[in-house]
Amino acid sequence: LPPTFDYVSTNRHKIQLNRTYTLPCLVKGIPRPIIKWLKNEKIFPIDNKRIELFRDGQYLEIRNINEYDAGMYTCLAENLAGKAKQILELQVLIPPRIENDTTNIEAIFNSTVNLTCSAYGNPKPTIVWFKEGRHLQYGNHYLSITLSSIKNNEQIIYTCIASNEAGNVEQHYRINRLVPPSIDSISITPTSTPIAGNHFTLECNAYGIPEPIISWEFNNHRLSLGHNRYYQVIHASLNDTGLYTCLAENKIGIMKKDIHIDVLLPPSILNNGQMINEITKLNGESLVLTCLLHAHPLPTIIWTKNDQV
């Protein structure tokens, strides 16, 4: 009797990675058929370590299955009366894996960022994208986003989930938004114009991500004491009149803003360093009165005689 198969199993066999699986080839015939196995139409080695035959070749057992075991297996049965064959497809189910090392991404405000979710597995994984847990997109390995809005939080988390019938895996992409420095204003305290001898404080209101480092310049020269948003002058003098510049800097860029400070000096009348209260002159002599003063800005001078202008 020529070989015939007692049991024709399903042609497609699915097995997960690293499992053990047995392919059947239940055949009968007289005389007993000789069984040979082919893989992808080629003879392959039976090492009796990981791959082994049982019951005269009617069962092909594969242990610790890997992705290279996938393929078309042919059971050839032959005796003096004839031959027969049965083809079985072995599909190795491989859970998805995502090959992407870049998960922490820095992106400039208002720029476009392209996220890539390179997922591999068998069957081919499907891709789903989420932003902060909210579903965004289905089926695409790539996600293009524009960082066009600023919220209080500096970091946004996007998630790629790759799944197939062997399992699923997810990867988080942390987008750190970078914002160039901007300076809203420079304010002075007290709010009035500073007077010589008094103190005043400059405050630079700057914003950026990461938080900008603040420094100060006076008349285009760096101030060694100015390393934060405040710059204070304890005892103002005319030498403190000039152009103050706030510089806000982070890894994206630098921003400058100027403010001109004019220190006022109240008028003081002097004559060779001493106040003159009384002058004596003979009748008929010429008299020249000099009003020496020190003030900023230059004051208006008014002369009076006997308390009358």
C-alpha atoms as a PDB file:
ATOM      1  CA  LEU A   1       0.000   0.000   0.000  1.00  0.00           C
ATOM      2  CA  PRO A   2       1.388   3.421  -0.889  1.00  0.00           C
ATOM      3  CA  PRO A   3       1.882   5.938   1.934  1.00  0.00           C
ATOM      4  CA  THR A   4      -1.185   7.784   3.126  1.00  0.00           C
ATOM      5  CA  PHE A   5      -1.583  10.216   5.991  1.00  0.00           C
ATOM      6  CA  ASP A   6      -3.788   9.160   8.885  1.00  0.00           C
ATOM      7  CA  TYR A   7      -4.209  12.729  10.019  1.00  0.00           C
ATOM      8  CA  VAL A   8      -3.827  15.826   7.963  1.00  0.00           C
ATOM      9  CA  SER A   9      -3.136  18.552  10.453  1.00  0.00           C
ATOM     10  CA  THR A  10      -3.615  22.207   9.787  1.00  0.00           C
ATOM     11  CA  ASN A  11      -1.068  23.465   7.334  1.00  0.00           C
ATOM     12  CA  ARG A  12      -0.131  26.490   9.404  1.00  0.00           C
ATOM     13  CA  HIS A  13       1.377  26.157  12.862  1.00  0.00           C
ATOM     14  CA  LYS A  14       2.046  29.158  15.082  1.00  0.00           C
ATOM     15  CA  ILE A  15       4.360  28.984  18.053  1.00  0.00           C
ATOM     16  CA  GLN A  16       5.874  31.622  20.274  1.00  0.00           C
ATOM     17  CA  LEU A  17       9.571  32.263  20.523  1.00  0.00           C
ATOM     18  CA  ASN A  18      11.616  30.029  22.868  1.00  0.00           C
ATOM     19  CA  ARG A  19       8.875  27.409  23.194  1.00  0.00           C
ATOM     20  CA  THR A  20       8.953  23.712  22.215  1.00  0.00           C
ATOM     21  CA  TYR A  21       6.791  22.497  19.363  1.00  0.00           C
ATOM     22  CA  THR A  22       6.195  19.178  17.570  1.00  0.00           C
ATOM     23  CA  LEU A  23       5.265  18.905  13.902  1.00  0.00           C
ATOM     24  CA  PRO A  24       3.295  15.703  13.133  1.00  0.00           C
ATOM     25  CA  CYS A  25       3.604  13.453  10.100  1.00  0.00           C
ATOM     26  CA  LEU A  26       1.259  10.530  10.830  1.00  0.00           C
ATOM     27  CA  VAL A  27       1.594   8.210   7.866  1.00  0.00           C
ATOM     28  CA  LYS A  28       0.763   4.565   7.139  1.00  0.00           C
ATOM     29  CA  GLY A  29       1.596   2.174   4.314  1.00  0.00           C
ATOM     30  CA  ILE A  30       2.874  -1.312   3.553  1.00  0.00           C
ATOM     31  CA  PRO A  31       5.720  -1.734   3.839  1.00  0.00           C
ATOM     32  CA  ARG A  32       6.245   0.936   6.552  1.00  0.00           C
ATOM     33  CA  PRO A  33       7.166   4.149   4.788  1.00  0.00           C
ATOM     34  CA  ILE A  34      10.540   5.787   5.293  1.00  0.00           C
ATOM     35  CA  ILE A  35      10.101   9.394   6.422  1.00  0.00           C
ATOM     36  CA  LYS A  36      12.340  12.307   5.560  1.00  0.00           C
ATOM     37  CA  TRP A  37      11.959  15.941   6.531  1.00  0.00           C
ATOM     38  CA  LEU A  38      12.832  18.967   4.413  1.00  0.00           C
ATOM     39  CA  LYS A  39      12.891  22.603   5.377  1.00  0.00           C
ATOM     40  CA  ASN A  40      12.213  25.077   2.611  1.00  0.00           C
ATOM     41  CA  GLU A  41      12.700  22.169   0.161  1.00  0.00           C
ATOM     42  CA  LYS A  42      16.173  21.395   1.493  1.00  0.00           C
ATOM     43  CA  ILE A  43      17.461  18.677   3.782  1.00  0.00           C
ATOM     44  CA  PHE A  44      18.372  20.126   7.161  1.00  0.00           C
ATOM     45  CA  PRO A  45      20.426  18.616   9.991  1.00  0.00           C
ATOM     46  CA  ILE A  46      18.759  16.767  12.846  1.00  0.00           C
ATOM     47  CA  ASP A  47      21.178  17.337  15.718  1.00  0.00           C
ATOM     48  CA  ASN A  48      19.231  15.464  18.451  1.00  0.00           C
ATOM     49  CA  LYS A  49      20.031  18.347  20.773  1.00  0.00           C
ATOM     50  CA  ARG A  50      17.520  20.991  19.860  1.00  0.00           C
ATOM     51  CA  ILE A  51      15.827  19.214  16.943  1.00  0.00           C
ATOM     52  CA  GLU A  52      14.869  15.560  17.298  1.00  0.00           C
ATOM     53  CA  LEU A  53      12.745  12.906  15.529  1.00  0.00           C
ATOM     54  CA  PHE A  54      10.409  10.488  17.308  1.00  0.00           C
ATOM     55  CA  ARG A  55       8.460   7.372  16.253  1.00  0.00           C
ATOM     56  CA  ASP A  56      10.463   6.699  13.124  1.00  0.00           C
ATOM     57  CA  GLY A  57      10.287  10.316  12.047  1.00  0.00           C
ATOM     58  CA  GLN A  58       6.539  10.782  12.474  1.00  0.00           C
ATOM     59  CA  TYR A  59       7.143  13.613  14.928  1.00  0.00           C
ATOM     60  CA  LEU A  60       9.648  16.430  14.480  1.00  0.00           C
ATOM     61  CA  GLU A  61      10.290  18.178  17.779  1.00  0.00           C
ATOM     62  CA  ILE A  62      11.981  21.581  17.906  1.00  0.00           C
ATOM     63  CA  ARG A  63      13.030  22.901  21.285  1.00  0.00           C
ATOM     64  CA  ASN A  64      13.813  26.476  22.256  1.00  0.00           C
ATOM     65  CA  ILE A  65      12.393  27.753  19.002  1.00  0.00           C
ATOM     66  CA  ASN A  66      14.021  30.805  17.468  1.00  0.00           C
ATOM     67  CA  GLU A  67      13.072  33.018  14.541  1.00  0.00           C
ATOM     68  CA  TYR A  68      15.285  31.044  12.153  1.00  0.00           C
ATOM     69  CA  ASP A  69      13.149  27.947  12.679  1.00  0.00           C
ATOM     70  CA  ALA A  70      10.292  29.540  10.768  1.00  0.00           C
ATOM     71  CA  GLY A  71       9.650  28.167   7.298  1.00  0.00           C
ATOM     72  CA  MET A  72       7.970  25.476   5.191  1.00  0.00           C
ATOM     73  CA  TYR A  73       8.527  21.922   6.466  1.00  0.00           C
ATOM     74  CA  THR A  74       7.886  18.996   4.152  1.00  0.00           C
ATOM     75  CA  CYS A  75       7.299  15.464   5.406  1.00  0.00           C
ATOM     76  CA  LEU A  76       8.275  12.949   2.658  1.00  0.00           C
ATOM     77  CA  ALA A  77       6.967   9.401   3.096  1.00  0.00           C
ATOM     78  CA  GLU A  78       8.118   6.697   0.673  1.00  0.00           C
ATOM     79  CA  ASN A  79       7.884   2.899   0.317  1.00  0.00           C
ATOM     80  CA  LEU A  80       8.009   0.386  -2.524  1.00  0.00           C
ATOM     81  CA  ALA A  81       4.413   1.173  -3.432  1.00  0.00           C
ATOM     82  CA  GLY A  82       4.842   4.906  -3.815  1.00  0.00           C
ATOM     83  CA  LYS A  83       5.445   8.199  -2.075  1.00  0.00           C
ATOM     84  CA  ALA A  84       3.496  11.045  -0.516  1.00  0.00           C
ATOM     85  CA  LYS A  85       4.266  14.370   1.100  1.00  0.00           C
ATOM     86  CA  GLN A  86       2.725  16.785   3.518  1.00  0.00           C
ATOM     87  CA  ILE A  87       3.740  20.452   3.757  1.00  0.00           C
ATOM     88  CA  LEU A  88       3.498  22.278   7.067  1.00  0.00           C
ATOM     89  CA  GLU A  89       4.179  25.963   7.617  1.00  0.00           C
ATOM     90  CA  LEU A  90       5.785  26.909  10.926  1.00  0.00           C
ATOM     91  CA  GLN A  91       5.325  30.519  11.941  1.00  0.00           C
ATOM     92  CA  VAL A  92       7.393  31.727  14.875  1.00  0.00           C
ATOM     93  CA  LEU A  93       5.571  34.429  16.791  1.00  0.00           C
ATOM     94  CA  ILE A  94       8.059  37.050  17.946  1.00  0.00           C
ATOM     95  CA  PRO A  95       6.875  39.650  20.447  1.00  0.00           C
ATOM     96  CA  PRO A  96       7.403  43.223  19.312  1.00  0.00           C
ATOM     97  CA  ARG A  97      10.595  45.007  20.175  1.00  0.00           C
ATOM     98  CA  ILE A  98      11.307  48.669  19.638  1.00  0.00           C
ATOM     99  CA  GLU A  99      14.784  49.592  18.553  1.00  0.00           C
ATOM    100  CA  ASN A 100      15.218  53.238  19.374  1.00  0.00           C
ATOM    101  CA  ASP A 101      17.825  54.533  21.777  1.00  0.00           C
ATOM    102  CA  THR A 102      16.687  58.146  21.684  1.00  0.00           C
ATOM    103  CA  THR A 103      13.866  58.526  24.165  1.00  0.00           C
ATOM    104  CA  ASN A 104      14.795  61.865  25.742  1.00  0.00           C
ATOM    105  CA  ILE A 105      14.501  64.555  23.111  1.00  0.00           C
ATOM    106  CA  GLU A 106      15.155  68.266  23.376  1.00  0.00           C
ATOM    107  CA  ALA A 107      13.230  70.424  20.933  1.00  0.00           C
ATOM    108  CA  ILE A 108      13.058  74.154  20.410  1.00  0.00           C
ATOM    109  CA  PHE A 109       9.705  75.887  20.895  1.00  0.00           C
ATOM    110  CA  ASN A 110       7.690  76.131  17.650  1.00  0.00           C
ATOM    111  CA  SER A 111       9.916  73.596  15.891  1.00  0.00           C
ATOM    112  CA  THR A 112       8.812  70.295  14.359  1.00  0.00           C
ATOM    113  CA  VAL A 113       9.920  67.004  15.906  1.00  0.00           C
ATOM    114  CA  ASN A 114       9.725  63.666  14.094  1.00  0.00           C
ATOM    115  CA  LEU A 115       9.371  60.672  16.390  1.00  0.00           C
ATOM    116  CA  THR A 116      10.218  57.223  15.051  1.00  0.00           C
ATOM    117  CA  CYS A 117       8.916  53.990  16.542  1.00  0.00           C
ATOM    118  CA  SER A 118      10.990  51.275  14.841  1.00  0.00           C
ATOM    119  CA  ALA A 119       9.137  48.147  15.903  1.00  0.00           C
ATOM    120  CA  TYR A 120      10.052  44.626  14.848  1.00  0.00           C
ATOM    121  CA  GLY A 121       8.307  41.319  15.424  1.00  0.00           C
ATOM    122  CA  ASN A 122       6.312  38.572  13.756  1.00  0.00           C
ATOM    123  CA  PRO A 123       3.642  39.162  12.671  1.00  0.00           C
ATOM    124  CA  LYS A 124       4.504  42.762  11.857  1.00  0.00           C
ATOM    125  CA  PRO A 125       3.450  44.851  14.851  1.00  0.00           C
ATOM    126  CA  THR A 126       0.768  47.482  14.670  1.00  0.00           C
ATOM    127  CA  ILE A 127       1.604  50.906  16.077  1.00  0.00           C
ATOM    128  CA  VAL A 128      -0.529  53.186  18.236  1.00  0.00           C
ATOM    129  CA  TRP A 129       0.586  56.626  19.442  1.00  0.00           C
ATOM    130  CA  PHE A 130      -0.505  58.393  22.620  1.00  0.00           C
ATOM    131  CA  LYS A 131       0.170  61.841  24.051  1.00  0.00           C
ATOM    132  CA  GLU A 132      -0.056  62.052  27.829  1.00  0.00           C
ATOM    133  CA  GLY A 133      -2.328  58.975  27.722  1.00  0.00           C
ATOM    134  CA  ARG A 134      -4.600  60.357  24.982  1.00  0.00           C
ATOM    135  CA  HIS A 135      -4.863  58.423  21.707  1.00  0.00           C
ATOM    136  CA  LEU A 136      -3.338  60.266  18.767  1.00  0.00           C
ATOM    137  CA  GLN A 137      -2.649  58.075  15.756  1.00  0.00           C
ATOM    138  CA  TYR A 138      -2.926  54.472  14.630  1.00  0.00           C
ATOM    139  CA  GLY A 139      -0.781  52.429  12.294  1.00  0.00           C
ATOM    140  CA  ASN A 140       2.132  54.740  11.464  1.00  0.00           C
ATOM    141  CA  HIS A 141       5.721  54.201  12.588  1.00  0.00           C
ATOM    142  CA  TYR A 142       6.353  57.931  12.409  1.00  0.00           C
ATOM    143  CA  LEU A 143       4.791  60.815  14.302  1.00  0.00           C
ATOM    144  CA  SER A 144       5.414  64.447  13.419  1.00  0.00           C
ATOM    145  CA  ILE A 145       4.626  67.007  16.109  1.00  0.00           C
ATOM    146  CA  THR A 146       4.979  70.784  16.318  1.00  0.00           C
ATOM    147  CA  LEU A 147       5.714  72.338  19.682  1.00  0.00           C
ATOM    148  CA  SER A 148       3.530  75.387  19.198  1.00  0.00           C
ATOM    149  CA  SER A 149       2.075  75.905  22.661  1.00  0.00           C
ATOM    150  CA  ILE A 150       3.681  76.439  26.021  1.00  0.00           C
ATOM    151  CA  LYS A 151       2.209  75.129  29.224  1.00  0.00           C
ATOM    152  CA  ASN A 152       3.478  75.220  32.768  1.00  0.00           C
ATOM    153  CA  ASN A 153       5.070  71.803  32.399  1.00  0.00           C
ATOM    154  CA  GLU A 154       8.301  71.733  30.468  1.00  0.00           C
ATOM    155  CA  GLN A 155       8.089  68.057  29.466  1.00  0.00           C
ATOM    156  CA  ILE A 156       5.570  66.199  27.284  1.00  0.00           C
ATOM    157  CA  ILE A 157       5.425  62.403  27.173  1.00  0.00           C
ATOM    158  CA  TYR A 158       4.495  60.620  23.943  1.00  0.00           C
ATOM    159  CA  THR A 159       4.038  56.850  23.969  1.00  0.00           C
ATOM    160  CA  CYS A 160       4.380  54.352  21.147  1.00  0.00           C
ATOM    161  CA  ILE A 161       2.707  50.963  21.693  1.00  0.00           C
ATOM    162  CA  ALA A 162       3.635  48.144  19.305  1.00  0.00           C
ATOM    163  CA  SER A 163       1.547  44.974  19.456  1.00  0.00           C
ATOM    164  CA  ASN A 164       0.978  41.682  17.684  1.00  0.00           C
ATOM    165  CA  GLU A 165      -0.500  38.347  18.718  1.00  0.00           C
ATOM    166  CA  ALA A 166       2.728  37.463  20.539  1.00  0.00           C
ATOM    167  CA  GLY A 167       2.519  40.441  22.884  1.00  0.00           C
ATOM    168  CA  ASN A 168       3.016  44.168  23.081  1.00  0.00           C
ATOM    169  CA  VAL A 169       5.655  46.640  24.122  1.00  0.00           C
ATOM    170  CA  GLU A 170       5.617  50.358  24.717  1.00  0.00           C
ATOM    171  CA  GLN A 171       8.203  53.078  24.658  1.00  0.00           C
ATOM    172  CA  HIS A 172       7.982  56.562  26.105  1.00  0.00           C
ATOM    173  CA  TYR A 173       9.453  59.612  24.433  1.00  0.00           C
ATOM    174  CA  ARG A 174      10.076  62.511  26.773  1.00  0.00           C
ATOM    175  CA  ILE A 175      10.037  65.770  24.860  1.00  0.00           C
ATOM    176  CA  ASN A 176      11.822  68.536  26.723  1.00  0.00           C
ATOM    177  CA  ARG A 177      10.742  71.809  25.208  1.00  0.00           C
ATOM    178  CA  LEU A 178      13.413  74.476  24.938  1.00  0.00           C
ATOM    179  CA  VAL A 179      12.368  78.120  24.815  1.00  0.00           C
ATOM    180  CA  PRO A 180      14.803  80.917  23.912  1.00  0.00           C
ATOM    181  CA  PRO A 181      15.165  83.622  26.554  1.00  0.00           C
ATOM    182  CA  SER A 182      12.852  86.610  26.512  1.00  0.00           C
ATOM    183  CA  ILE A 183      12.921  89.664  28.778  1.00  0.00           C
ATOM    184  CA  ASP A 184       9.577  91.172  29.650  1.00  0.00           C
ATOM    185  CA  SER A 185      10.899  94.221  31.467  1.00  0.00           C
ATOM    186  CA  ILE A 186      13.558  95.778  33.658  1.00  0.00           C
ATOM    187  CA  SER A 187      12.119  97.559  36.672  1.00  0.00           C
ATOM    188  CA  ILE A 188      13.714  99.855  39.244  1.00  0.00           C
ATOM    189  CA  THR A 189      12.955 100.066  42.964  1.00  0.00           C
ATOM    190  CA  PRO A 190      12.150 102.588  44.356  1.00  0.00           C
ATOM    191  CA  THR A 191      10.161 103.504  41.293  1.00  0.00           C
ATOM    192  CA  SER A 192      11.283 107.149  41.315  1.00  0.00           C
ATOM    193  CA  THR A 193      14.570 108.319  39.802  1.00  0.00           C
ATOM    194  CA  PRO A 194      17.430 107.441  42.193  1.00  0.00           C
ATOM    195  CA  ILE A 195      19.049 110.239  44.174  1.00  0.00           C
ATOM    196  CA  ALA A 196      22.723 110.312  45.051  1.00  0.00           C
ATOM    197  CA  GLY A 197      23.362 108.775  48.445  1.00  0.00           C
ATOM    198  CA  ASN A 198      20.305 106.544  48.288  1.00  0.00           C
ATOM    199  CA  HIS A 199      20.054 102.947  47.078  1.00  0.00           C
ATOM    200  CA  PHE A 200      18.259 101.501  44.089  1.00  0.00           C
ATOM    201  CA  THR A 201      17.616  97.966  42.799  1.00  0.00           C
ATOM    202  CA  LEU A 202      17.171  96.777  39.217  1.00  0.00           C
ATOM    203  CA  GLU A 203      15.062  93.685  38.512  1.00  0.00           C
ATOM    204  CA  CYS A 204      15.205  91.790  35.206  1.00  0.00           C
ATOM    205  CA  ASN A 205      12.067  89.751  34.472  1.00  0.00           C
ATOM    206  CA  ALA A 206      13.200  87.023  32.057  1.00  0.00           C
ATOM    207  CA  TYR A 207      11.685  83.746  30.880  1.00  0.00           C
ATOM    208  CA  GLY A 208      12.984  80.700  29.033  1.00  0.00           C
ATOM    209  CA  ILE A 209      13.337  76.911  29.187  1.00  0.00           C
ATOM    210  CA  PRO A 210      15.677  75.990  30.691  1.00  0.00           C
ATOM    211  CA  GLU A 211      15.562  78.961  33.050  1.00  0.00           C
ATOM    212  CA  PRO A 212      17.956  81.620  31.763  1.00  0.00           C
ATOM    213  CA  ILE A 213      21.087  82.641  33.620  1.00  0.00           C
ATOM    214  CA  ILE A 214      20.974  86.387  34.293  1.00  0.00           C
ATOM    215  CA  SER A 215      24.000  88.678  34.141  1.00  0.00           C
ATOM    216  CA  TRP A 216      24.417  92.439  34.053  1.00  0.00           C
ATOM    217  CA  GLU A 217      26.491  94.983  32.141  1.00  0.00           C
ATOM    218  CA  PHE A 218      27.100  98.654  32.867  1.00  0.00           C
ATOM    219  CA  ASN A 219      28.056 100.805  29.882  1.00  0.00           C
ATOM    220  CA  ASN A 220      28.926  97.572  27.991  1.00  0.00           C
ATOM    221  CA  HIS A 221      31.207  96.259  30.738  1.00  0.00           C
ATOM    222  CA  ARG A 222      30.318  93.099  32.638  1.00  0.00           C
ATOM    223  CA  LEU A 223      29.405  93.616  36.288  1.00  0.00           C
ATOM    224  CA  SER A 224      31.070  90.971  38.437  1.00  0.00           C
ATOM    225  CA  LEU A 225      28.389  91.198  41.118  1.00  0.00           C
ATOM    226  CA  GLY A 226      25.422  90.763  38.794  1.00  0.00           C
ATOM    227  CA  HIS A 227      24.600  87.058  38.489  1.00  0.00           C
ATOM    228  CA  ASN A 228      20.877  86.956  39.191  1.00  0.00           C
ATOM    229  CA  ARG A 229      17.731  88.812  38.299  1.00  0.00           C
ATOM    230  CA  TYR A 230      18.512  91.590  40.804  1.00  0.00           C
ATOM    231  CA  TYR A 231      21.294  94.172  40.720  1.00  0.00           C
ATOM    232  CA  GLN A 232      21.561  96.546  43.665  1.00  0.00           C
ATOM    233  CA  VAL A 233      23.449  99.801  44.137  1.00  0.00           C
ATOM    234  CA  ILE A 234      23.786 100.532  47.856  1.00  0.00           C
ATOM    235  CA  HIS A 235      25.056 104.123  47.791  1.00  0.00           C
ATOM    236  CA  ALA A 236      24.289 105.769  44.474  1.00  0.00           C
ATOM    237  CA  SER A 237      26.541 108.426  42.998  1.00  0.00           C
ATOM    238  CA  LEU A 238      26.853 110.277  39.709  1.00  0.00           C
ATOM    239  CA  ASN A 239      29.243 107.536  38.595  1.00  0.00           C
ATOM    240  CA  ASP A 240      26.276 105.146  38.618  1.00  0.00           C
ATOM    241  CA  THR A 241      24.551 107.102  35.860  1.00  0.00           C
ATOM    242  CA  GLY A 242      24.612 105.195  32.595  1.00  0.00           C
ATOM    243  CA  LEU A 243      23.307 102.271  30.557  1.00  0.00           C
ATOM    244  CA  TYR A 244      22.506  99.034  32.393  1.00  0.00           C
ATOM    245  CA  THR A 245      22.006  95.869  30.342  1.00  0.00           C
ATOM    246  CA  CYS A 246      20.319  92.666  31.477  1.00  0.00           C
ATOM    247  CA  LEU A 247      21.535  89.544  29.652  1.00  0.00           C
ATOM    248  CA  ALA A 248      19.404  86.380  29.828  1.00  0.00           C
ATOM    249  CA  GLU A 249      21.085  83.275  28.424  1.00  0.00           C
ATOM    250  CA  ASN A 250      20.311  79.557  28.125  1.00  0.00           C
ATOM    251  CA  LYS A 251      21.427  76.800  25.762  1.00  0.00           C
ATOM    252  CA  ILE A 252      19.141  78.101  23.007  1.00  0.00           C
ATOM    253  CA  GLY A 253      20.292  81.691  22.857  1.00  0.00           C
ATOM    254  CA  ILE A 254      20.762  85.037  24.542  1.00  0.00           C
ATOM    255  CA  MET A 255      18.544  88.089  24.953  1.00  0.00           C
ATOM    256  CA  LYS A 256      19.524  91.618  26.005  1.00  0.00           C
ATOM    257  CA  LYS A 257      17.497  94.544  27.287  1.00  0.00           C
ATOM    258  CA  ASP A 258      18.750  98.007  28.273  1.00  0.00           C
ATOM    259  CA  ILE A 259      17.656 100.602  30.794  1.00  0.00           C
ATOM    260  CA  HIS A 260      19.220 104.028  31.271  1.00  0.00           C
ATOM    261  CA  ILE A 261      19.574 105.177  34.870  1.00  0.00           C
ATOM    262  CA  ASP A 262      20.103 108.864  35.651  1.00  0.00           C
ATOM    263  CA  VAL A 263      21.220 109.468  39.242  1.00  0.00           C
ATOM    264  CA  LEU A 264      20.107 112.888  40.513  1.00  0.00           C
ATOM    265  CA  LEU A 265      22.275 115.087  42.718  1.00  0.00           C
ATOM    266  CA  PRO A 266      20.460 117.780  44.755  1.00  0.00           C
ATOM    267  CA  PRO A 267      22.003 121.281  44.336  1.00  0.00           C
ATOM    268  CA  SER A 268      24.649 122.385  46.841  1.00  0.00           C
ATOM    269  CA  ILE A 269      26.131 125.918  46.668  1.00  0.00           C
ATOM    270  CA  LEU A 270      29.859 126.182  47.436  1.00  0.00           C
ATOM    271  CA  ASN A 271      32.623 128.781  47.337  1.00  0.00           C
ATOM    272  CA  ASN A 272      36.084 127.308  47.576  1.00  0.00           C
ATOM    273  CA  GLY A 273      34.583 124.604  49.652  1.00  0.00           C
ATOM    274  CA  GLN A 274      32.951 126.961  52.218  1.00  0.00           C
ATOM    275  CA  MET A 275      29.542 128.522  52.417  1.00  0.00           C
ATOM    276  CA  ILE A 276      29.606 132.378  52.018  1.00  0.00           C
ATOM    277  CA  ASN A 277      27.166 134.160  54.283  1.00  0.00           C
ATOM    278  CA  GLU A 278      28.340 137.872  54.306  1.00  0.00           C
ATOM    279  CA  ILE A 279      30.398 140.092  51.977  1.00  0.00           C
ATOM    280  CA  THR A 280      31.670 143.623  52.903  1.00  0.00           C
ATOM    281  CA  LYS A 281      32.404 146.226  50.192  1.00  0.00           C
ATOM    282  CA  LEU A 282      33.179 150.006  50.216  1.00  0.00           C
ATOM    283  CA  ASN A 283      30.700 152.364  48.685  1.00  0.00           C
ATOM    284  CA  GLY A 284      31.349 152.642  44.980  1.00  0.00           C
ATOM    285  CA  GLU A 285      33.275 149.424  44.640  1.00  0.00           C
ATOM    286  CA  SER A 286      32.219 146.838  42.116  1.00  0.00           C
ATOM    287  CA  LEU A 287      30.696 143.648  43.408  1.00  0.00           C
ATOM    288  CA  VAL A 288      30.637 140.335  41.611  1.00  0.00           C
ATOM    289  CA  LEU A 289      28.660 137.569  43.231  1.00  0.00           C
ATOM    290  CA  THR A 290      29.438 134.029  42.130  1.00  0.00           C
ATOM    291  CA  CYS A 291      27.127 131.113  42.666  1.00  0.00           C
ATOM    292  CA  LEU A 292      29.223 127.953  42.514  1.00  0.00           C
ATOM    293  CA  LEU A 293      27.150 124.834  42.726  1.00  0.00           C
ATOM    294  CA  HIS A 294      27.277 121.094  42.276  1.00  0.00           C
ATOM    295  CA  ALA A 295      24.133 119.377  40.998  1.00  0.00           C
ATOM    296  CA  HIS A 296      22.719 117.003  38.411  1.00  0.00           C
ATOM    297  CA  PRO A 297      20.958 117.868  36.277  1.00  0.00           C
ATOM    298  CA  LEU A 298      21.961 121.564  36.065  1.00  0.00           C
ATOM    299  CA  PRO A 299      19.468 123.531  38.154  1.00  0.00           C
ATOM    300  CA  THR A 300      17.699 126.792  37.391  1.00  0.00           C
ATOM    301  CA  ILE A 301      19.430 129.656  39.293  1.00  0.00           C
ATOM    302  CA  ILE A 302      17.391 132.487  40.767  1.00  0.00           C
ATOM    303  CA  TRP A 303      18.922 135.503  42.562  1.00  0.00           C
ATOM    304  CA  THR A 304      17.088 137.306  45.366  1.00  0.00           C
ATOM    305  CA  LYS A 305      17.820 140.489  47.341  1.00  0.00           C
ATOM    306  CA  ASN A 306      16.391 140.831  50.785  1.00  0.00           C
ATOM    307  CA  ASP A 307      14.269 137.784  50.039  1.00  0.00           C
ATOM    308  CA  GLN A 308      12.862 139.384  46.905  1.00  0.00           C
ATOM    309  CA  VAL A 309      13.534 138.244  43.369  1.00  0.00           C
END
